[in-house]
Amino acid sequence: MGKIEKLIEKFLNPGSTITFQELEYFLSKNDYKEKKTGKTSGSRKAYINYKSKHIIRLHKPHPGNNLKKYVKNYLIKEFKKEGLI
């Protein structure tokens, strides 16, 4: 089982936590790039898949590194909509 498959399992496991670095890895492997223009400064982040034009918007967690539960649920919904999980 590869790293992406393990991350998908972590996303779908309600008791697991996802770090921001794991999320960025998952997004990069699925052709998402960080959009660095406009109002996406500081802890606000936007990632876009230029092929599908799909955008993921979220706040980078701080002071910790783990994604909040509501962010994880949002990402699961968006990834399922895009067929990534």
N, C-alpha and C. Protein backbone atom coordinates (compact mmCIF):
# COMPACT_ATOMS: atom_id res chain seq x y z
N MET A 1 0.85 -1.18 0.00
CA MET A 1 0.00 0.00 0.00
C MET A 1 0.89 1.24 0.00
N GLY A 2 0.60 2.13 -0.92
CA GLY A 2 1.40 3.35 -1.06
C GLY A 2 0.99 4.44 -0.08
N LYS A 3 1.76 5.51 -0.10
CA LYS A 3 1.53 6.62 0.82
C LYS A 3 0.17 7.29 0.58
N ILE A 4 -0.22 7.43 -0.68
CA ILE A 4 -1.51 8.06 -0.99
C ILE A 4 -2.66 7.21 -0.46
N GLU A 5 -2.57 5.89 -0.63
CA GLU A 5 -3.63 5.00 -0.13
C GLU A 5 -3.73 5.07 1.39
N LYS A 6 -2.58 5.17 2.06
CA LYS A 6 -2.58 5.30 3.52
C LYS A 6 -3.21 6.62 3.95
N LEU A 7 -2.94 7.69 3.20
CA LEU A 7 -3.56 8.98 3.52
C LEU A 7 -5.07 8.94 3.31
N ILE A 8 -5.51 8.27 2.26
CA ILE A 8 -6.95 8.14 2.02
C ILE A 8 -7.60 7.41 3.18
N GLU A 9 -6.95 6.34 3.67
CA GLU A 9 -7.47 5.62 4.83
C GLU A 9 -7.56 6.53 6.05
N LYS A 10 -6.53 7.37 6.25
CA LYS A 10 -6.56 8.31 7.38
C LYS A 10 -7.70 9.30 7.25
N PHE A 11 -7.93 9.79 6.03
CA PHE A 11 -9.04 10.72 5.81
C PHE A 11 -10.36 10.07 6.18
N LEU A 12 -10.53 8.83 5.79
CA LEU A 12 -11.82 8.16 5.98
C LEU A 12 -12.00 7.57 7.37
N ASN A 13 -10.95 7.51 8.16
CA ASN A 13 -11.03 7.01 9.53
C ASN A 13 -11.42 8.17 10.44
N PRO A 14 -12.62 8.12 11.05
CA PRO A 14 -13.09 9.25 11.86
C PRO A 14 -12.19 9.59 13.05
N GLY A 15 -11.45 8.63 13.56
CA GLY A 15 -10.63 8.88 14.74
C GLY A 15 -9.22 9.35 14.43
N SER A 16 -8.85 9.40 13.17
CA SER A 16 -7.47 9.76 12.83
C SER A 16 -7.33 11.28 12.68
N THR A 17 -6.10 11.72 12.80
CA THR A 17 -5.81 13.14 12.59
C THR A 17 -4.91 13.27 11.37
N ILE A 18 -5.09 14.36 10.64
CA ILE A 18 -4.31 14.65 9.44
C ILE A 18 -3.50 15.91 9.71
N THR A 19 -2.22 15.87 9.41
CA THR A 19 -1.40 17.07 9.56
C THR A 19 -1.50 17.92 8.29
N PHE A 20 -1.16 19.17 8.42
CA PHE A 20 -1.21 20.07 7.28
C PHE A 20 -0.22 19.62 6.21
N GLN A 21 0.95 19.10 6.63
CA GLN A 21 1.93 18.62 5.67
C GLN A 21 1.40 17.42 4.89
N GLU A 22 0.67 16.52 5.56
CA GLU A 22 0.07 15.38 4.86
C GLU A 22 -0.96 15.86 3.83
N LEU A 23 -1.74 16.86 4.21
CA LEU A 23 -2.72 17.41 3.28
C LEU A 23 -2.03 18.02 2.07
N GLU A 24 -0.98 18.81 2.30
CA GLU A 24 -0.26 19.42 1.17
C GLU A 24 0.35 18.36 0.26
N TYR A 25 0.85 17.27 0.83
CA TYR A 25 1.39 16.18 0.03
C TYR A 25 0.29 15.56 -0.83
N PHE A 26 -0.86 15.29 -0.21
CA PHE A 26 -1.99 14.70 -0.93
C PHE A 26 -2.44 15.62 -2.07
N LEU A 27 -2.54 16.90 -1.78
CA LEU A 27 -2.97 17.85 -2.81
C LEU A 27 -1.96 17.93 -3.95
N SER A 28 -0.68 17.95 -3.63
CA SER A 28 0.34 18.05 -4.68
C SER A 28 0.33 16.81 -5.57
N LYS A 29 0.09 15.65 -5.00
CA LYS A 29 0.05 14.41 -5.78
C LYS A 29 -1.21 14.31 -6.63
N ASN A 30 -2.20 15.17 -6.35
CA ASN A 30 -3.43 15.19 -7.14
C ASN A 30 -3.52 16.48 -7.97
N ASP A 31 -2.36 17.03 -8.31
CA ASP A 31 -2.24 18.17 -9.23
C ASP A 31 -2.83 19.48 -8.71
N TYR A 32 -2.88 19.67 -7.41
CA TYR A 32 -3.31 20.96 -6.85
C TYR A 32 -2.07 21.80 -6.59
N LYS A 33 -2.18 23.07 -6.89
CA LYS A 33 -1.09 24.02 -6.64
C LYS A 33 -1.61 25.11 -5.72
N GLU A 34 -0.74 25.59 -4.85
CA GLU A 34 -1.14 26.68 -3.95
C GLU A 34 -1.28 27.96 -4.76
N LYS A 35 -2.40 28.62 -4.58
CA LYS A 35 -2.64 29.90 -5.23
C LYS A 35 -2.14 30.99 -4.29
N LYS A 36 -1.19 31.77 -4.74
CA LYS A 36 -0.53 32.73 -3.85
C LYS A 36 -0.90 34.17 -4.16
N THR A 37 -1.99 34.39 -4.87
CA THR A 37 -2.39 35.76 -5.18
C THR A 37 -3.69 36.09 -4.48
N GLY A 38 -4.00 37.35 -4.42
CA GLY A 38 -5.28 37.78 -3.86
C GLY A 38 -5.31 37.70 -2.36
N LYS A 39 -6.44 37.26 -1.84
CA LYS A 39 -6.67 37.28 -0.39
C LYS A 39 -6.24 35.98 0.28
N THR A 40 -5.30 35.25 -0.29
CA THR A 40 -4.86 34.00 0.30
C THR A 40 -3.52 34.19 1.01
N SER A 41 -3.46 35.17 1.87
CA SER A 41 -2.22 35.42 2.59
C SER A 41 -2.36 34.96 4.03
N GLY A 42 -1.23 34.80 4.68
CA GLY A 42 -1.24 34.39 6.07
C GLY A 42 -1.73 32.97 6.23
N SER A 43 -2.68 32.77 7.15
CA SER A 43 -3.15 31.42 7.41
C SER A 43 -4.23 30.97 6.42
N ARG A 44 -4.76 31.88 5.62
CA ARG A 44 -5.74 31.50 4.59
C ARG A 44 -5.01 30.92 3.40
N LYS A 45 -5.42 29.72 2.99
CA LYS A 45 -4.76 29.04 1.88
C LYS A 45 -5.80 28.65 0.84
N ALA A 46 -5.38 28.70 -0.41
CA ALA A 46 -6.22 28.24 -1.52
C ALA A 46 -5.37 27.36 -2.41
N TYR A 47 -5.92 26.23 -2.81
CA TYR A 47 -5.25 25.30 -3.70
C TYR A 47 -6.17 25.07 -4.88
N ILE A 48 -5.58 25.10 -6.08
CA ILE A 48 -6.39 24.94 -7.28
C ILE A 48 -5.81 23.83 -8.15
N ASN A 49 -6.72 23.04 -8.70
CA ASN A 49 -6.37 22.06 -9.72
C ASN A 49 -6.70 22.71 -11.05
N TYR A 50 -5.67 23.07 -11.79
CA TYR A 50 -5.87 23.84 -13.03
C TYR A 50 -6.54 23.02 -14.13
N LYS A 51 -6.48 21.69 -14.03
CA LYS A 51 -7.16 20.84 -15.02
C LYS A 51 -8.67 20.87 -14.82
N SER A 52 -9.10 20.67 -13.58
CA SER A 52 -10.54 20.60 -13.29
C SER A 52 -11.10 21.93 -12.83
N LYS A 53 -10.24 22.91 -12.54
CA LYS A 53 -10.63 24.23 -12.02
C LYS A 53 -11.25 24.15 -10.62
N HIS A 54 -10.99 23.06 -9.92
CA HIS A 54 -11.52 22.88 -8.56
C HIS A 54 -10.61 23.60 -7.57
N ILE A 55 -11.22 24.31 -6.62
CA ILE A 55 -10.48 25.07 -5.62
C ILE A 55 -10.80 24.55 -4.23
N ILE A 56 -9.75 24.38 -3.43
CA ILE A 56 -9.88 24.02 -2.01
C ILE A 56 -9.43 25.24 -1.22
N ARG A 57 -10.29 25.73 -0.35
CA ARG A 57 -9.95 26.88 0.51
C ARG A 57 -10.02 26.45 1.96
N LEU A 58 -9.02 26.85 2.73
CA LEU A 58 -9.01 26.50 4.16
C LEU A 58 -8.04 27.40 4.89
N HIS A 59 -8.10 27.31 6.21
CA HIS A 59 -7.15 28.02 7.06
C HIS A 59 -6.10 27.02 7.52
N LYS A 60 -4.84 27.45 7.43
CA LYS A 60 -3.76 26.61 7.94
C LYS A 60 -3.90 26.56 9.46
N PRO A 61 -3.82 25.36 10.03
CA PRO A 61 -3.99 25.26 11.48
C PRO A 61 -2.84 25.94 12.24
N HIS A 62 -3.21 26.61 13.30
CA HIS A 62 -2.22 27.20 14.18
C HIS A 62 -2.85 27.39 15.55
N PRO A 63 -2.20 27.26 16.62
CA PRO A 63 -0.76 27.05 16.72
C PRO A 63 -0.33 25.61 16.44
N GLY A 64 -1.24 24.66 16.41
CA GLY A 64 -0.88 23.27 16.14
C GLY A 64 -0.71 23.00 14.66
N ASN A 65 -0.56 21.72 14.33
CA ASN A 65 -0.32 21.33 12.96
C ASN A 65 -1.43 20.42 12.41
N ASN A 66 -2.31 19.93 13.30
CA ASN A 66 -3.35 19.00 12.89
C ASN A 66 -4.59 19.75 12.40
N LEU A 67 -5.21 19.20 11.35
CA LEU A 67 -6.43 19.80 10.81
C LEU A 67 -7.58 19.63 11.79
N LYS A 68 -8.42 20.61 11.88
CA LYS A 68 -9.63 20.54 12.71
C LYS A 68 -10.61 19.55 12.08
N LYS A 69 -11.50 19.02 12.90
CA LYS A 69 -12.45 18.01 12.42
C LYS A 69 -13.35 18.57 11.32
N TYR A 70 -13.82 19.81 11.45
CA TYR A 70 -14.70 20.38 10.43
C TYR A 70 -13.96 20.57 9.10
N VAL A 71 -12.64 20.85 9.16
CA VAL A 71 -11.84 20.99 7.94
C VAL A 71 -11.68 19.63 7.28
N LYS A 72 -11.42 18.62 8.09
CA LYS A 72 -11.29 17.25 7.57
C LYS A 72 -12.59 16.81 6.90
N ASN A 73 -13.72 17.10 7.51
CA ASN A 73 -15.02 16.74 6.91
C ASN A 73 -15.26 17.49 5.61
N TYR A 74 -14.90 18.75 5.56
CA TYR A 74 -15.01 19.55 4.33
C TYR A 74 -14.15 18.94 3.23
N LEU A 75 -12.92 18.57 3.57
CA LEU A 75 -12.01 17.99 2.58
C LEU A 75 -12.52 16.66 2.06
N ILE A 76 -13.05 15.83 2.94
CA ILE A 76 -13.61 14.53 2.51
C ILE A 76 -14.72 14.77 1.51
N LYS A 77 -15.61 15.70 1.81
CA LYS A 77 -16.72 16.02 0.90
C LYS A 77 -16.20 16.49 -0.45
N GLU A 78 -15.23 17.38 -0.44
CA GLU A 78 -14.68 17.92 -1.68
C GLU A 78 -13.92 16.85 -2.46
N PHE A 79 -13.13 16.01 -1.78
CA PHE A 79 -12.38 14.96 -2.46
C PHE A 79 -13.30 13.91 -3.05
N LYS A 80 -14.39 13.59 -2.36
CA LYS A 80 -15.35 12.63 -2.92
C LYS A 80 -16.03 13.22 -4.15
N LYS A 81 -16.36 14.50 -4.09
CA LYS A 81 -17.00 15.18 -5.22
C LYS A 81 -16.09 15.14 -6.46
N GLU A 82 -14.79 15.23 -6.23
CA GLU A 82 -13.82 15.24 -7.33
C GLU A 82 -13.34 13.83 -7.71
N GLY A 83 -13.80 12.82 -6.96
CA GLY A 83 -13.40 11.43 -7.26
C GLY A 83 -11.99 11.06 -6.81
N LEU A 84 -11.47 11.80 -5.85
CA LEU A 84 -10.12 11.52 -5.35
C LEU A 84 -10.11 10.46 -4.27
N ILE A 85 -11.22 10.32 -3.55
CA ILE A 85 -11.34 9.26 -2.54
C ILE A 85 -12.68 8.57 -2.71
